Amino acid sequence: MPTFGLGNYFPILVVIIFSLAIAWGIVIASQLVGPRRKGDPEKGIPYEGGMDPIGSPRQRFFIRFYVVAVLFLLFDIETVFLYPWAVLFRKLGLFGLIEMGVFILILLAGYIYVWKKDALEWE
């Protein structure tokens, strides 16, 4: 029977302390050994595909971009569940077929809802 005392967690504590010490050591070593030149001020500008940055980086984007991105991820991830089901289709039998039918109906209902709300339209 395994015991769950604090002694069982000691190796984990050692690993955490060791990794923090290595991380801090690398940061401190890079500050001590690294070059200290100011350089060209143009090197401090963020790279944006070779174009000079125009405007504020905090400009607002239309919410439509975020909605379409989230909907794409939602439907894309949901369709990933079809592959394991297809692999185990014969093993799952009728129960698996009914469950996948319910899953696809729920997915279809979400798609119709999004379609009716015009969330997929670019204006």
PDB file of N, CA and C in Angstrom:
ATOM      1  N   MET A   1       0.839  -1.184   0.000  1.00  0.00           N
ATOM      2  CA  MET A   1       0.000   0.000   0.000  1.00  0.00           C
ATOM      3  C   MET A   1       0.887   1.253   0.000  1.00  0.00           C
ATOM      4  N   PRO A   2       0.725   2.150  -0.965  1.00  0.00           N
ATOM      5  CA  PRO A   2       1.574   3.345  -0.989  1.00  0.00           C
ATOM      6  C   PRO A   2       1.193   4.320   0.118  1.00  0.00           C
ATOM      7  N   THR A   3       2.195   4.993   0.631  1.00  0.00           N
ATOM      8  CA  THR A   3       1.947   6.042   1.620  1.00  0.00           C
ATOM      9  C   THR A   3       2.075   7.390   0.935  1.00  0.00           C
ATOM     10  N   PHE A   4       1.311   8.323   1.441  1.00  0.00           N
ATOM     11  CA  PHE A   4       1.295   9.654   0.821  1.00  0.00           C
ATOM     12  C   PHE A   4       1.801  10.694   1.804  1.00  0.00           C
ATOM     13  N   GLY A   5       2.990  10.497   2.334  1.00  0.00           N
ATOM     14  CA  GLY A   5       3.589  11.466   3.244  1.00  0.00           C
ATOM     15  C   GLY A   5       4.289  12.563   2.477  1.00  0.00           C
ATOM     16  N   LEU A   6       4.759  13.565   3.204  1.00  0.00           N
ATOM     17  CA  LEU A   6       5.459  14.678   2.570  1.00  0.00           C
ATOM     18  C   LEU A   6       6.796  14.245   1.988  1.00  0.00           C
ATOM     19  N   GLY A   7       7.370  13.145   2.500  1.00  0.00           N
ATOM     20  CA  GLY A   7       8.642  12.650   1.987  1.00  0.00           C
ATOM     21  C   GLY A   7       8.560  12.223   0.530  1.00  0.00           C
ATOM     22  N   ASN A   8       7.383  11.843   0.076  1.00  0.00           N
ATOM     23  CA  ASN A   8       7.225  11.435  -1.323  1.00  0.00           C
ATOM     24  C   ASN A   8       7.335  12.611  -2.281  1.00  0.00           C
ATOM     25  N   TYR A   9       7.111  13.822  -1.782  1.00  0.00           N
ATOM     26  CA  TYR A   9       7.153  15.008  -2.635  1.00  0.00           C
ATOM     27  C   TYR A   9       8.513  15.686  -2.621  1.00  0.00           C
ATOM     28  N   PHE A  10       9.449  15.189  -1.845  1.00  0.00           N
ATOM     29  CA  PHE A  10      10.776  15.791  -1.764  1.00  0.00           C
ATOM     30  C   PHE A  10      11.501  15.794  -3.114  1.00  0.00           C
ATOM     31  N   PRO A  11      11.492  14.713  -3.892  1.00  0.00           N
ATOM     32  CA  PRO A  11      12.160  14.769  -5.207  1.00  0.00           C
ATOM     33  C   PRO A  11      11.561  15.825  -6.135  1.00  0.00           C
ATOM     34  N   ILE A  12      10.262  16.022  -6.060  1.00  0.00           N
ATOM     35  CA  ILE A  12       9.629  17.056  -6.896  1.00  0.00           C
ATOM     36  C   ILE A  12      10.101  18.436  -6.466  1.00  0.00           C
ATOM     37  N   LEU A  13      10.209  18.650  -5.161  1.00  0.00           N
ATOM     38  CA  LEU A  13      10.698  19.923  -4.643  1.00  0.00           C
ATOM     39  C   LEU A  13      12.137  20.169  -5.093  1.00  0.00           C
ATOM     40  N   VAL A  14      12.965  19.132  -5.079  1.00  0.00           N
ATOM     41  CA  VAL A  14      14.353  19.262  -5.521  1.00  0.00           C
ATOM     42  C   VAL A  14      14.402  19.645  -7.003  1.00  0.00           C
ATOM     43  N   VAL A  15      13.575  19.024  -7.830  1.00  0.00           N
ATOM     44  CA  VAL A  15      13.554  19.343  -9.262  1.00  0.00           C
ATOM     45  C   VAL A  15      13.104  20.786  -9.487  1.00  0.00           C
ATOM     46  N   ILE A  16      12.086  21.227  -8.748  1.00  0.00           N
ATOM     47  CA  ILE A  16      11.601  22.607  -8.910  1.00  0.00           C
ATOM     48  C   ILE A  16      12.688  23.596  -8.505  1.00  0.00           C
ATOM     49  N   ILE A  17      13.344  23.360  -7.371  1.00  0.00           N
ATOM     50  CA  ILE A  17      14.413  24.261  -6.921  1.00  0.00           C
ATOM     51  C   ILE A  17      15.568  24.254  -7.919  1.00  0.00           C
ATOM     52  N   PHE A  18      15.939  23.088  -8.417  1.00  0.00           N
ATOM     53  CA  PHE A  18      17.032  22.979  -9.381  1.00  0.00           C
ATOM     54  C   PHE A  18      16.692  23.721 -10.667  1.00  0.00           C
ATOM     55  N   SER A  19      15.470  23.572 -11.176  1.00  0.00           N
ATOM     56  CA  SER A  19      15.116  24.264 -12.417  1.00  0.00           C
ATOM     57  C   SER A  19      15.041  25.773 -12.222  1.00  0.00           C
ATOM     58  N   LEU A  20      14.544  26.236 -11.087  1.00  0.00           N
ATOM     59  CA  LEU A  20      14.536  27.679 -10.831  1.00  0.00           C
ATOM     60  C   LEU A  20      15.956  28.220 -10.726  1.00  0.00           C
ATOM     61  N   ALA A  21      16.849  27.469 -10.087  1.00  0.00           N
ATOM     62  CA  ALA A  21      18.242  27.911  -9.964  1.00  0.00           C
ATOM     63  C   ALA A  21      18.899  27.994 -11.339  1.00  0.00           C
ATOM     64  N   ILE A  22      18.630  27.040 -12.203  1.00  0.00           N
ATOM     65  CA  ILE A  22      19.199  27.077 -13.562  1.00  0.00           C
ATOM     66  C   ILE A  22      18.639  28.269 -14.340  1.00  0.00           C
ATOM     67  N   ALA A  23      17.338  28.510 -14.244  1.00  0.00           N
ATOM     68  CA  ALA A  23      16.731  29.635 -14.960  1.00  0.00           C
ATOM     69  C   ALA A  23      17.311  30.957 -14.479  1.00  0.00           C
ATOM     70  N   TRP A  24      17.384  31.142 -13.172  1.00  0.00           N
ATOM     71  CA  TRP A  24      17.958  32.385 -12.635  1.00  0.00           C
ATOM     72  C   TRP A  24      19.430  32.504 -13.019  1.00  0.00           C
ATOM     73  N   GLY A  25      20.153  31.394 -12.980  1.00  0.00           N
ATOM     74  CA  GLY A  25      21.559  31.413 -13.356  1.00  0.00           C
ATOM     75  C   GLY A  25      21.769  31.838 -14.801  1.00  0.00           C
ATOM     76  N   ILE A  26      20.930  31.354 -15.694  1.00  0.00           N
ATOM     77  CA  ILE A  26      21.048  31.726 -17.109  1.00  0.00           C
ATOM     78  C   ILE A  26      20.754  33.208 -17.302  1.00  0.00           C
ATOM     79  N   VAL A  27      19.751  33.726 -16.618  1.00  0.00           N
ATOM     80  CA  VAL A  27      19.416  35.152 -16.755  1.00  0.00           C
ATOM     81  C   VAL A  27      20.544  36.016 -16.224  1.00  0.00           C
ATOM     82  N   ILE A  28      21.065  35.670 -15.061  1.00  0.00           N
ATOM     83  CA  ILE A  28      22.155  36.454 -14.474  1.00  0.00           C
ATOM     84  C   ILE A  28      23.409  36.351 -15.338  1.00  0.00           C
ATOM     85  N   ALA A  29      23.728  35.163 -15.849  1.00  0.00           N
ATOM     86  CA  ALA A  29      24.908  34.999 -16.701  1.00  0.00           C
ATOM     87  C   ALA A  29      24.774  35.797 -17.985  1.00  0.00           C
ATOM     88  N   SER A  30      23.591  35.855 -18.565  1.00  0.00           N
ATOM     89  CA  SER A  30      23.422  36.633 -19.796  1.00  0.00           C
ATOM     90  C   SER A  30      23.582  38.127 -19.529  1.00  0.00           C
ATOM     91  N   GLN A  31      23.182  38.589 -18.336  1.00  0.00           N
ATOM     92  CA  GLN A  31      23.368  39.999 -17.990  1.00  0.00           C
ATOM     93  C   GLN A  31      24.846  40.319 -17.757  1.00  0.00           C
ATOM     94  N   LEU A  32      25.575  39.379 -17.166  1.00  0.00           N
ATOM     95  CA  LEU A  32      26.979  39.630 -16.862  1.00  0.00           C
ATOM     96  C   LEU A  32      27.877  39.492 -18.089  1.00  0.00           C
ATOM     97  N   VAL A  33      27.610  38.506 -18.933  1.00  0.00           N
ATOM     98  CA  VAL A  33      28.496  38.185 -20.040  1.00  0.00           C
ATOM     99  C   VAL A  33      28.066  38.850 -21.344  1.00  0.00           C
ATOM    100  N   GLY A  34      26.793  39.157 -21.492  1.00  0.00           N
ATOM    101  CA  GLY A  34      26.267  39.673 -22.760  1.00  0.00           C
ATOM    102  C   GLY A  34      26.812  41.041 -23.127  1.00  0.00           C
ATOM    103  N   PRO A  35      26.723  41.418 -24.402  1.00  0.00           N
ATOM    104  CA  PRO A  35      27.224  42.721 -24.848  1.00  0.00           C
ATOM    105  C   PRO A  35      26.366  43.859 -24.295  1.00  0.00           C
ATOM    106  N   ARG A  36      27.040  45.006 -24.094  1.00  0.00           N
ATOM    107  CA  ARG A  36      26.352  46.162 -23.538  1.00  0.00           C
ATOM    108  C   ARG A  36      26.421  47.355 -24.502  1.00  0.00           C
ATOM    109  N   ARG A  37      25.966  47.204 -25.681  1.00  0.00           N
ATOM    110  CA  ARG A  37      25.986  48.328 -26.612  1.00  0.00           C
ATOM    111  C   ARG A  37      24.563  48.785 -26.877  1.00  0.00           C
ATOM    112  N   LYS A  38      24.441  50.065 -27.049  1.00  0.00           N
ATOM    113  CA  LYS A  38      23.123  50.643 -27.295  1.00  0.00           C
ATOM    114  C   LYS A  38      22.630  50.268 -28.682  1.00  0.00           C
ATOM    115  N   GLY A  39      23.498  50.338 -29.660  1.00  0.00           N
ATOM    116  CA  GLY A  39      23.117  49.942 -31.013  1.00  0.00           C
ATOM    117  C   GLY A  39      22.303  50.992 -31.732  1.00  0.00           C
ATOM    118  N   ASP A  40      21.858  50.609 -32.883  1.00  0.00           N
ATOM    119  CA  ASP A  40      21.075  51.481 -33.738  1.00  0.00           C
ATOM    120  C   ASP A  40      19.652  51.564 -33.198  1.00  0.00           C
ATOM    121  N   PRO A  41      19.064  52.763 -33.093  1.00  0.00           N
ATOM    122  CA  PRO A  41      17.691  52.851 -32.580  1.00  0.00           C
ATOM    123  C   PRO A  41      16.674  52.145 -33.473  1.00  0.00           C
ATOM    124  N   GLU A  42      17.043  51.935 -34.736  1.00  0.00           N
ATOM    125  CA  GLU A  42      16.127  51.252 -35.640  1.00  0.00           C
ATOM    126  C   GLU A  42      15.974  49.772 -35.275  1.00  0.00           C
ATOM    127  N   LYS A  43      16.958  49.219 -34.568  1.00  0.00           N
ATOM    128  CA  LYS A  43      16.868  47.822 -34.161  1.00  0.00           C
ATOM    129  C   LYS A  43      15.830  47.616 -33.067  1.00  0.00           C
ATOM    130  N   GLY A  44      15.447  48.672 -32.374  1.00  0.00           N
ATOM    131  CA  GLY A  44      14.447  48.558 -31.320  1.00  0.00           C
ATOM    132  C   GLY A  44      13.021  48.589 -31.834  1.00  0.00           C
ATOM    133  N   ILE A  45      12.848  48.871 -33.118  1.00  0.00           N
ATOM    134  CA  ILE A  45      11.509  48.940 -33.701  1.00  0.00           C
ATOM    135  C   ILE A  45      11.001  47.524 -33.955  1.00  0.00           C
ATOM    136  N   PRO A  46       9.742  47.256 -33.596  1.00  0.00           N
ATOM    137  CA  PRO A  46       9.216  45.908 -33.864  1.00  0.00           C
ATOM    138  C   PRO A  46       9.133  45.634 -35.359  1.00  0.00           C
ATOM    139  N   TYR A  47       9.424  44.393 -35.726  1.00  0.00           N
ATOM    140  CA  TYR A  47       9.416  43.993 -37.140  1.00  0.00           C
ATOM    141  C   TYR A  47       7.986  43.674 -37.569  1.00  0.00           C
ATOM    142  N   GLU A  48       7.543  44.316 -38.622  1.00  0.00           N
ATOM    143  CA  GLU A  48       6.191  44.086 -39.123  1.00  0.00           C
ATOM    144  C   GLU A  48       6.247  43.827 -40.622  1.00  0.00           C
ATOM    145  N   GLY A  49       6.891  42.773 -41.017  1.00  0.00           N
ATOM    146  CA  GLY A  49       6.916  42.392 -42.418  1.00  0.00           C
ATOM    147  C   GLY A  49       7.695  43.351 -43.280  1.00  0.00           C
ATOM    148  N   GLY A  50       8.686  44.040 -42.719  1.00  0.00           N
ATOM    149  CA  GLY A  50       9.506  44.935 -43.503  1.00  0.00           C
ATOM    150  C   GLY A  50       8.929  46.325 -43.654  1.00  0.00           C
ATOM    151  N   MET A  51       7.762  46.572 -43.078  1.00  0.00           N
ATOM    152  CA  MET A  51       7.143  47.892 -43.188  1.00  0.00           C
ATOM    153  C   MET A  51       7.381  48.682 -41.904  1.00  0.00           C
ATOM    154  N   ASP A  52       7.502  49.978 -42.046  1.00  0.00           N
ATOM    155  CA  ASP A  52       7.620  50.818 -40.860  1.00  0.00           C
ATOM    156  C   ASP A  52       6.301  50.800 -40.109  1.00  0.00           C
ATOM    157  N   PRO A  53       6.368  50.736 -38.779  1.00  0.00           N
ATOM    158  CA  PRO A  53       5.121  50.728 -38.012  1.00  0.00           C
ATOM    159  C   PRO A  53       4.371  52.051 -38.178  1.00  0.00           C
ATOM    160  N   ILE A  54       3.088  51.947 -38.402  1.00  0.00           N
ATOM    161  CA  ILE A  54       2.252  53.127 -38.594  1.00  0.00           C
ATOM    162  C   ILE A  54       1.162  53.096 -37.529  1.00  0.00           C
ATOM    163  N   GLY A  55       1.007  54.186 -36.837  1.00  0.00           N
ATOM    164  CA  GLY A  55      -0.056  54.274 -35.847  1.00  0.00           C
ATOM    165  C   GLY A  55       0.315  53.617 -34.532  1.00  0.00           C
ATOM    166  N   SER A  56      -0.643  53.571 -33.659  1.00  0.00           N
ATOM    167  CA  SER A  56      -0.449  53.017 -32.321  1.00  0.00           C
ATOM    168  C   SER A  56      -0.594  51.494 -32.353  1.00  0.00           C
ATOM    169  N   PRO A  57       0.220  50.786 -31.575  1.00  0.00           N
ATOM    170  CA  PRO A  57       0.030  49.341 -31.513  1.00  0.00           C
ATOM    171  C   PRO A  57      -1.225  48.952 -30.752  1.00  0.00           C
ATOM    172  N   ARG A  58      -1.843  49.908 -30.115  1.00  0.00           N
ATOM    173  CA  ARG A  58      -3.041  49.638 -29.329  1.00  0.00           C
ATOM    174  C   ARG A  58      -4.332  49.983 -30.081  1.00  0.00           C
ATOM    175  N   GLN A  59      -4.248  50.046 -31.406  1.00  0.00           N
ATOM    176  CA  GLN A  59      -5.441  50.380 -32.175  1.00  0.00           C
ATOM    177  C   GLN A  59      -6.493  49.283 -32.055  1.00  0.00           C
ATOM    178  N   ARG A  60      -7.707  49.660 -32.223  1.00  0.00           N
ATOM    179  CA  ARG A  60      -8.812  48.713 -32.060  1.00  0.00           C
ATOM    180  C   ARG A  60      -9.075  47.952 -33.357  1.00  0.00           C
ATOM    181  N   PHE A  61      -9.421  46.680 -33.185  1.00  0.00           N
ATOM    182  CA  PHE A  61      -9.823  45.847 -34.317  1.00  0.00           C
ATOM    183  C   PHE A  61     -11.316  45.590 -34.198  1.00  0.00           C
ATOM    184  N   PHE A  62     -11.925  45.318 -35.323  1.00  0.00           N
ATOM    185  CA  PHE A  62     -13.335  44.986 -35.294  1.00  0.00           C
ATOM    186  C   PHE A  62     -13.525  43.658 -34.574  1.00  0.00           C
ATOM    187  N   ILE A  63     -14.565  43.549 -33.812  1.00  0.00           N
ATOM    188  CA  ILE A  63     -14.853  42.329 -33.070  1.00  0.00           C
ATOM    189  C   ILE A  63     -15.129  41.165 -34.016  1.00  0.00           C
ATOM    190  N   ARG A  64     -15.497  41.483 -35.239  1.00  0.00           N
ATOM    191  CA  ARG A  64     -15.809  40.446 -36.227  1.00  0.00           C
ATOM    192  C   ARG A  64     -14.606  39.530 -36.465  1.00  0.00           C
ATOM    193  N   PHE A  65     -13.392  40.067 -36.433  1.00  0.00           N
ATOM    194  CA  PHE A  65     -12.202  39.240 -36.618  1.00  0.00           C
ATOM    195  C   PHE A  65     -12.108  38.187 -35.516  1.00  0.00           C
ATOM    196  N   TYR A  66     -12.348  38.608 -34.286  1.00  0.00           N
ATOM    197  CA  TYR A  66     -12.257  37.687 -33.162  1.00  0.00           C
ATOM    198  C   TYR A  66     -13.372  36.647 -33.200  1.00  0.00           C
ATOM    199  N   VAL A  67     -14.559  37.072 -33.567  1.00  0.00           N
ATOM    200  CA  VAL A  67     -15.690  36.151 -33.625  1.00  0.00           C
ATOM    201  C   VAL A  67     -15.443  35.065 -34.669  1.00  0.00           C
ATOM    202  N   VAL A  68     -14.974  35.472 -35.848  1.00  0.00           N
ATOM    203  CA  VAL A  68     -14.709  34.489 -36.901  1.00  0.00           C
ATOM    204  C   VAL A  68     -13.582  33.547 -36.481  1.00  0.00           C
ATOM    205  N   ALA A  69     -12.558  34.083 -35.830  1.00  0.00           N
ATOM    206  CA  ALA A  69     -11.447  33.238 -35.386  1.00  0.00           C
ATOM    207  C   ALA A  69     -11.915  32.226 -34.347  1.00  0.00           C
ATOM    208  N   VAL A  70     -12.706  32.655 -33.389  1.00  0.00           N
ATOM    209  CA  VAL A  70     -13.205  31.743 -32.355  1.00  0.00           C
ATOM    210  C   VAL A  70     -14.135  30.699 -32.970  1.00  0.00           C
ATOM    211  N   LEU A  71     -14.988  31.115 -33.894  1.00  0.00           N
ATOM    212  CA  LEU A  71     -15.888  30.157 -34.539  1.00  0.00           C
ATOM    213  C   LEU A  71     -15.110  29.146 -35.374  1.00  0.00           C
ATOM    214  N   PHE A  72     -14.076  29.608 -36.052  1.00  0.00           N
ATOM    215  CA  PHE A  72     -13.254  28.669 -36.815  1.00  0.00           C
ATOM    216  C   PHE A  72     -12.615  27.638 -35.897  1.00  0.00           C
ATOM    217  N   LEU A  73     -12.035  28.106 -34.794  1.00  0.00           N
ATOM    218  CA  LEU A  73     -11.419  27.174 -33.852  1.00  0.00           C
ATOM    219  C   LEU A  73     -12.438  26.214 -33.267  1.00  0.00           C
ATOM    220  N   LEU A  74     -13.616  26.733 -32.941  1.00  0.00           N
ATOM    221  CA  LEU A  74     -14.657  25.889 -32.356  1.00  0.00           C
ATOM    222  C   LEU A  74     -15.057  24.776 -33.308  1.00  0.00           C
ATOM    223  N   PHE A  75     -15.394  25.116 -34.528  1.00  0.00           N
ATOM    224  CA  PHE A  75     -15.841  24.100 -35.477  1.00  0.00           C
ATOM    225  C   PHE A  75     -14.685  23.206 -35.927  1.00  0.00           C
ATOM    226  N   ASP A  76     -13.484  23.753 -35.989  1.00  0.00           N
ATOM    227  CA  ASP A  76     -12.335  22.950 -36.378  1.00  0.00           C
ATOM    228  C   ASP A  76     -12.019  21.908 -35.309  1.00  0.00           C
ATOM    229  N   ILE A  77     -12.029  22.302 -34.072  1.00  0.00           N
ATOM    230  CA  ILE A  77     -11.736  21.363 -32.984  1.00  0.00           C
ATOM    231  C   ILE A  77     -12.857  20.342 -32.842  1.00  0.00           C
ATOM    232  N   GLU A  78     -14.064  20.758 -33.058  1.00  0.00           N
ATOM    233  CA  GLU A  78     -15.179  19.808 -32.955  1.00  0.00           C
ATOM    234  C   GLU A  78     -15.085  18.733 -34.033  1.00  0.00           C
ATOM    235  N   THR A  79     -14.627  19.101 -35.214  1.00  0.00           N
ATOM    236  CA  THR A  79     -14.539  18.091 -36.266  1.00  0.00           C
ATOM    237  C   THR A  79     -13.376  17.130 -36.033  1.00  0.00           C
ATOM    238  N   VAL A  80     -12.424  17.507 -35.191  1.00  0.00           N
ATOM    239  CA  VAL A  80     -11.324  16.603 -34.851  1.00  0.00           C
ATOM    240  C   VAL A  80     -11.857  15.374 -34.116  1.00  0.00           C
ATOM    241  N   PHE A  81     -12.974  15.509 -33.424  1.00  0.00           N
ATOM    242  CA  PHE A  81     -13.554  14.374 -32.702  1.00  0.00           C
ATOM    243  C   PHE A  81     -14.132  13.317 -33.639  1.00  0.00           C
ATOM    244  N   LEU A  82     -14.294  13.655 -34.908  1.00  0.00           N
ATOM    245  CA  LEU A  82     -14.816  12.671 -35.855  1.00  0.00           C
ATOM    246  C   LEU A  82     -13.805  11.571 -36.166  1.00  0.00           C
ATOM    247  N   TYR A  83     -12.519  11.877 -36.127  1.00  0.00           N
ATOM    248  CA  TYR A  83     -11.515  10.878 -36.487  1.00  0.00           C
ATOM    249  C   TYR A  83     -11.478   9.697 -35.512  1.00  0.00           C
ATOM    250  N   PRO A  84     -11.370   9.926 -34.182  1.00  0.00           N
ATOM    251  CA  PRO A  84     -11.356   8.765 -33.279  1.00  0.00           C
ATOM    252  C   PRO A  84     -12.655   7.961 -33.359  1.00  0.00           C
ATOM    253  N   TRP A  85     -13.754   8.652 -33.582  1.00  0.00           N
ATOM    254  CA  TRP A  85     -15.029   7.939 -33.710  1.00  0.00           C
ATOM    255  C   TRP A  85     -15.009   7.037 -34.946  1.00  0.00           C
ATOM    256  N   ALA A  86     -14.471   7.561 -36.048  1.00  0.00           N
ATOM    257  CA  ALA A  86     -14.418   6.759 -37.270  1.00  0.00           C
ATOM    258  C   ALA A  86     -13.500   5.552 -37.105  1.00  0.00           C
ATOM    259  N   VAL A  87     -12.421   5.713 -36.336  1.00  0.00           N
ATOM    260  CA  VAL A  87     -11.513   4.592 -36.120  1.00  0.00           C
ATOM    261  C   VAL A  87     -12.186   3.497 -35.305  1.00  0.00           C
ATOM    262  N   LEU A  88     -12.974   3.884 -34.308  1.00  0.00           N
ATOM    263  CA  LEU A  88     -13.624   2.914 -33.416  1.00  0.00           C
ATOM    264  C   LEU A  88     -15.085   2.659 -33.770  1.00  0.00           C
ATOM    265  N   PHE A  89     -15.474   3.003 -34.988  1.00  0.00           N
ATOM    266  CA  PHE A  89     -16.895   2.928 -35.358  1.00  0.00           C
ATOM    267  C   PHE A  89     -17.467   1.525 -35.164  1.00  0.00           C
ATOM    268  N   ARG A  90     -16.798   0.510 -35.640  1.00  0.00           N
ATOM    269  CA  ARG A  90     -17.334  -0.865 -35.540  1.00  0.00           C
ATOM    270  C   ARG A  90     -17.379  -1.343 -34.104  1.00  0.00           C
ATOM    271  N   LYS A  91     -16.420  -0.932 -33.302  1.00  0.00           N
ATOM    272  CA  LYS A  91     -16.387  -1.349 -31.900  1.00  0.00           C
ATOM    273  C   LYS A  91     -17.498  -0.670 -31.092  1.00  0.00           C
ATOM    274  N   LEU A  92     -17.822   0.570 -31.430  1.00  0.00           N
ATOM    275  CA  LEU A  92     -18.847   1.308 -30.694  1.00  0.00           C
ATOM    276  C   LEU A  92     -20.257   0.856 -31.054  1.00  0.00           C
ATOM    277  N   GLY A  93     -20.449   0.413 -32.264  1.00  0.00           N
ATOM    278  CA  GLY A  93     -21.743  -0.109 -32.689  1.00  0.00           C
ATOM    279  C   GLY A  93     -22.820   0.957 -32.781  1.00  0.00           C
ATOM    280  N   LEU A  94     -24.046   0.540 -32.496  1.00  0.00           N
ATOM    281  CA  LEU A  94     -25.205   1.425 -32.609  1.00  0.00           C
ATOM    282  C   LEU A  94     -25.142   2.576 -31.611  1.00  0.00           C
ATOM    283  N   PHE A  95     -24.637   2.291 -30.412  1.00  0.00           N
ATOM    284  CA  PHE A  95     -24.520   3.340 -29.390  1.00  0.00           C
ATOM    285  C   PHE A  95     -23.624   4.470 -29.890  1.00  0.00           C
ATOM    286  N   GLY A  96     -22.479   4.127 -30.484  1.00  0.00           N
ATOM    287  CA  GLY A  96     -21.570   5.140 -31.020  1.00  0.00           C
ATOM    288  C   GLY A  96     -22.184   5.925 -32.158  1.00  0.00           C
ATOM    289  N   LEU A  97     -22.971   5.243 -32.991  1.00  0.00           N
ATOM    290  CA  LEU A  97     -23.629   5.927 -34.100  1.00  0.00           C
ATOM    291  C   LEU A  97     -24.645   6.947 -33.589  1.00  0.00           C
ATOM    292  N   ILE A  98     -25.422   6.551 -32.594  1.00  0.00           N
ATOM    293  CA  ILE A  98     -26.421   7.471 -32.023  1.00  0.00           C
ATOM    294  C   ILE A  98     -25.739   8.650 -31.337  1.00  0.00           C
ATOM    295  N   GLU A  99     -24.680   8.368 -30.575  1.00  0.00           N
ATOM    296  CA  GLU A  99     -23.956   9.450 -29.901  1.00  0.00           C
ATOM    297  C   GLU A  99     -23.358  10.434 -30.896  1.00  0.00           C
ATOM    298  N   MET A 100     -22.786   9.924 -31.980  1.00  0.00           N
ATOM    299  CA  MET A 100     -22.210  10.817 -32.981  1.00  0.00           C
ATOM    300  C   MET A 100     -23.308  11.580 -33.711  1.00  0.00           C
ATOM    301  N   GLY A 101     -24.441  10.961 -33.917  1.00  0.00           N
ATOM    302  CA  GLY A 101     -25.566  11.678 -34.512  1.00  0.00           C
ATOM    303  C   GLY A 101     -26.012  12.838 -33.645  1.00  0.00           C
ATOM    304  N   VAL A 102     -26.098  12.612 -32.330  1.00  0.00           N
ATOM    305  CA  VAL A 102     -26.458  13.700 -31.402  1.00  0.00           C
ATOM    306  C   VAL A 102     -25.388  14.785 -31.433  1.00  0.00           C
ATOM    307  N   PHE A 103     -24.123  14.381 -31.436  1.00  0.00           N
ATOM    308  CA  PHE A 103     -23.017  15.339 -31.483  1.00  0.00           C
ATOM    309  C   PHE A 103     -23.089  16.195 -32.744  1.00  0.00           C
ATOM    310  N   ILE A 104     -23.329  15.565 -33.894  1.00  0.00           N
ATOM    311  CA  ILE A 104     -23.400  16.315 -35.148  1.00  0.00           C
ATOM    312  C   ILE A 104     -24.639  17.204 -35.185  1.00  0.00           C
ATOM    313  N   LEU A 105     -25.740  16.757 -34.599  1.00  0.00           N
ATOM    314  CA  LEU A 105     -26.936  17.613 -34.536  1.00  0.00           C
ATOM    315  C   LEU A 105     -26.685  18.858 -33.688  1.00  0.00           C
ATOM    316  N   ILE A 106     -25.996  18.686 -32.557  1.00  0.00           N
ATOM    317  CA  ILE A 106     -25.668  19.848 -31.728  1.00  0.00           C
ATOM    318  C   ILE A 106     -24.736  20.788 -32.476  1.00  0.00           C
ATOM    319  N   LEU A 107     -23.756  20.229 -33.176  1.00  0.00           N
ATOM    320  CA  LEU A 107     -22.839  21.030 -33.967  1.00  0.00           C
ATOM    321  C   LEU A 107     -23.573  21.751 -35.092  1.00  0.00           C
ATOM    322  N   LEU A 108     -24.491  21.065 -35.737  1.00  0.00           N
ATOM    323  CA  LEU A 108     -25.287  21.662 -36.808  1.00  0.00           C
ATOM    324  C   LEU A 108     -26.193  22.767 -36.273  1.00  0.00           C
ATOM    325  N   ALA A 109     -26.762  22.559 -35.092  1.00  0.00           N
ATOM    326  CA  ALA A 109     -27.601  23.601 -34.478  1.00  0.00           C
ATOM    327  C   ALA A 109     -26.771  24.847 -34.183  1.00  0.00           C
ATOM    328  N   GLY A 110     -25.543  24.673 -33.698  1.00  0.00           N
ATOM    329  CA  GLY A 110     -24.662  25.817 -33.464  1.00  0.00           C
ATOM    330  C   GLY A 110     -24.306  26.523 -34.747  1.00  0.00           C
ATOM    331  N   TYR A 111     -24.046  25.751 -35.794  1.00  0.00           N
ATOM    332  CA  TYR A 111     -23.715  26.340 -37.086  1.00  0.00           C
ATOM    333  C   TYR A 111     -24.885  27.140 -37.643  1.00  0.00           C
ATOM    334  N   ILE A 112     -26.090  26.599 -37.544  1.00  0.00           N
ATOM    335  CA  ILE A 112     -27.284  27.315 -38.029  1.00  0.00           C
ATOM    336  C   ILE A 112     -27.515  28.583 -37.225  1.00  0.00           C
ATOM    337  N   TYR A 113     -27.302  28.517 -35.906  1.00  0.00           N
ATOM    338  CA  TYR A 113     -27.462  29.696 -35.059  1.00  0.00           C
ATOM    339  C   TYR A 113     -26.484  30.792 -35.472  1.00  0.00           C
ATOM    340  N   VAL A 114     -25.227  30.413 -35.690  1.00  0.00           N
ATOM    341  CA  VAL A 114     -24.211  31.386 -36.092  1.00  0.00           C
ATOM    342  C   VAL A 114     -24.536  31.940 -37.470  1.00  0.00           C
ATOM    343  N   TRP A 115     -25.033  31.093 -38.339  1.00  0.00           N
ATOM    344  CA  TRP A 115     -25.389  31.529 -39.686  1.00  0.00           C
ATOM    345  C   TRP A 115     -26.541  32.528 -39.646  1.00  0.00           C
ATOM    346  N   LYS A 116     -27.557  32.251 -38.820  1.00  0.00           N
ATOM    347  CA  LYS A 116     -28.718  33.150 -38.712  1.00  0.00           C
ATOM    348  C   LYS A 116     -28.324  34.492 -38.092  1.00  0.00           C
ATOM    349  N   LYS A 117     -27.330  34.493 -37.213  1.00  0.00           N
ATOM    350  CA  LYS A 117     -26.868  35.732 -36.574  1.00  0.00           C
ATOM    351  C   LYS A 117     -25.909  36.525 -37.471  1.00  0.00           C
ATOM    352  N   ASP A 118     -25.640  36.009 -38.689  1.00  0.00           N
ATOM    353  CA  ASP A 118     -24.740  36.637 -39.650  1.00  0.00           C
ATOM    354  C   ASP A 118     -23.322  36.828 -39.089  1.00  0.00           C
ATOM    355  N   ALA A 119     -22.893  35.904 -38.240  1.00  0.00           N
ATOM    356  CA  ALA A 119     -21.562  35.995 -37.661  1.00  0.00           C
ATOM    357  C   ALA A 119     -20.502  35.572 -38.671  1.00  0.00           C
ATOM    358  N   LEU A 120     -20.880  34.907 -39.733  1.00  0.00           N
ATOM    359  CA  LEU A 120     -19.924  34.441 -40.722  1.00  0.00           C
ATOM    360  C   LEU A 120     -19.829  35.388 -41.922  1.00  0.00           C
ATOM    361  N   GLU A 121     -20.536  36.487 -41.911  1.00  0.00           N
ATOM    362  CA  GLU A 121     -20.557  37.431 -43.022  1.00  0.00           C
ATOM    363  C   GLU A 121     -19.505  38.513 -42.828  1.00  0.00           C
ATOM    364  N   TRP A 122     -18.766  38.806 -43.890  1.00  0.00           N
ATOM    365  CA  TRP A 122     -17.828  39.929 -43.876  1.00  0.00           C
ATOM    366  C   TRP A 122     -18.531  41.141 -44.472  1.00  0.00           C
ATOM    367  N   GLU A 123     -18.451  42.250 -43.799  1.00  0.00           N
ATOM    368  CA  GLU A 123     -19.114  43.454 -44.287  1.00  0.00           C
ATOM    369  C   GLU A 123     -18.105  44.497 -44.712  1.00  0.00           C
TER     370      GLU A 123
END
